[in-house]
Protein backbone atom coordinates (compact mmCIF):
# COMPACT_ATOMS: atom_id res chain seq x y z
CA MET A 1 13.21 -23.66 23.96
CA THR A 2 13.32 -23.66 20.26
CA ASN A 3 10.86 -22.04 17.91
CA ASN A 4 10.07 -24.73 15.24
CA ARG A 5 6.97 -23.11 13.62
CA ARG A 6 6.71 -23.40 9.91
CA ARG A 7 7.52 -20.16 7.90
CA LEU A 8 6.54 -19.55 4.31
CA THR A 9 7.46 -16.67 1.96
CA GLY A 10 4.97 -15.33 -0.49
CA ARG A 11 3.54 -12.24 -2.16
CA VAL A 12 0.39 -10.29 -0.85
CA ILE A 13 -2.44 -10.56 -3.44
CA ARG A 14 -5.17 -8.87 -1.49
CA ASN A 15 -5.51 -6.78 1.54
CA SER A 16 -9.15 -5.67 1.41
CA MET A 17 -10.29 -7.43 4.71
CA ASP A 18 -9.74 -5.87 8.13
CA LYS A 19 -6.47 -7.06 9.74
CA THR A 20 -6.00 -9.88 7.04
CA VAL A 21 -3.84 -10.28 3.83
CA VAL A 22 -4.05 -13.04 1.36
CA VAL A 23 -0.65 -14.37 0.65
CA VAL A 24 0.06 -16.68 -2.40
CA VAL A 25 2.93 -19.05 -1.87
CA THR A 26 4.56 -20.81 -4.86
CA SER A 27 6.60 -24.09 -4.41
CA THR A 28 8.13 -26.26 -6.84
CA LYS A 29 8.56 -30.12 -6.74
CA ARG A 30 9.74 -32.68 -9.21
CA HIS A 31 7.19 -35.29 -10.45
CA PRO A 32 8.01 -38.80 -9.09
CA LEU A 33 7.81 -40.69 -12.30
CA TYR A 34 8.17 -38.16 -15.25
CA LYS A 35 10.78 -35.96 -13.25
CA LYS A 36 9.27 -32.83 -14.67
CA VAL A 37 9.42 -29.76 -12.34
CA ILE A 38 5.78 -28.89 -11.26
CA ARG A 39 5.03 -25.33 -9.76
CA THR A 40 2.08 -25.17 -7.40
CA THR A 41 0.52 -22.05 -5.80
CA LYS A 42 -1.52 -22.00 -2.55
CA LYS A 43 -3.23 -19.22 -0.84
CA TYR A 44 -2.89 -18.48 2.94
CA MET A 45 -4.92 -15.92 4.96
CA ALA A 46 -2.50 -14.42 7.29
CA HIS A 47 -3.06 -11.93 10.30
CA ASP A 48 -1.80 -8.43 9.75
CA GLU A 49 -2.30 -6.42 13.05
CA SER A 50 -1.17 -2.99 11.59
CA ASN A 51 -3.37 -3.18 8.49
CA ALA A 52 -0.49 -1.49 6.54
CA ILE A 53 0.96 -4.23 4.16
CA PRO A 54 0.26 -3.12 0.45
CA VAL A 55 -0.56 -5.45 -2.27
CA GLY A 56 2.62 -6.82 -4.07
CA ALA A 57 4.83 -6.91 -0.96
CA LEU A 58 6.97 -10.06 -0.24
CA VAL A 59 6.33 -11.18 3.21
CA GLN A 60 7.17 -14.04 5.57
CA ILE A 61 4.30 -15.72 7.27
CA VAL A 62 4.62 -17.85 10.34
CA GLU A 63 2.27 -20.58 11.76
CA SER A 64 0.19 -19.46 14.73
CA ARG A 65 -2.83 -20.45 16.75
CA PRO A 66 -6.25 -20.37 15.05
CA ILE A 67 -7.29 -16.71 14.72
CA SER A 68 -10.61 -17.20 12.89
CA LYS A 69 -12.30 -20.04 10.81
CA THR A 70 -9.77 -19.77 8.03
CA LYS A 71 -6.69 -17.82 9.59
CA ARG A 72 -3.94 -19.84 11.00
CA TRP A 73 -1.00 -17.78 9.81
CA ALA A 74 0.53 -14.32 10.87
CA VAL A 75 2.82 -12.02 9.09
CA GLU A 76 6.19 -12.11 10.70
CA ALA A 77 8.17 -9.65 8.40
CA ILE A 78 7.92 -7.66 5.26
CA LEU A 79 10.85 -8.65 3.13
CA GLU A 80 10.34 -6.51 0.14
CA ALA A 81 7.96 -3.64 -0.38
CA PRO A 82 6.31 -3.24 -3.83
CA GLU A 83 7.70 -0.86 -6.34
CA ALA A 84 5.79 2.65 -6.49
CA GLU A 85 4.00 3.28 -9.71
CA ALA A 86 4.90 6.37 -11.44
């Protein structure tokens, strides 16, 4: 059976909630009439079971069953950890 759940890539901007991170996903599309490239951002609440993903990490989120009122995504993989500040 194929797994055709949607997957998105974005940055973690908040991790203050318990087992939840807020991921901002940026997408680009071309305006149909004026042909200008428009960049849009959208925030998703994603489930983080380990509670260990830091702010600034690049993550891949995957569609899942409804976990709460606003959570319908889960963190699948951490693609890039944030740089440590000196």
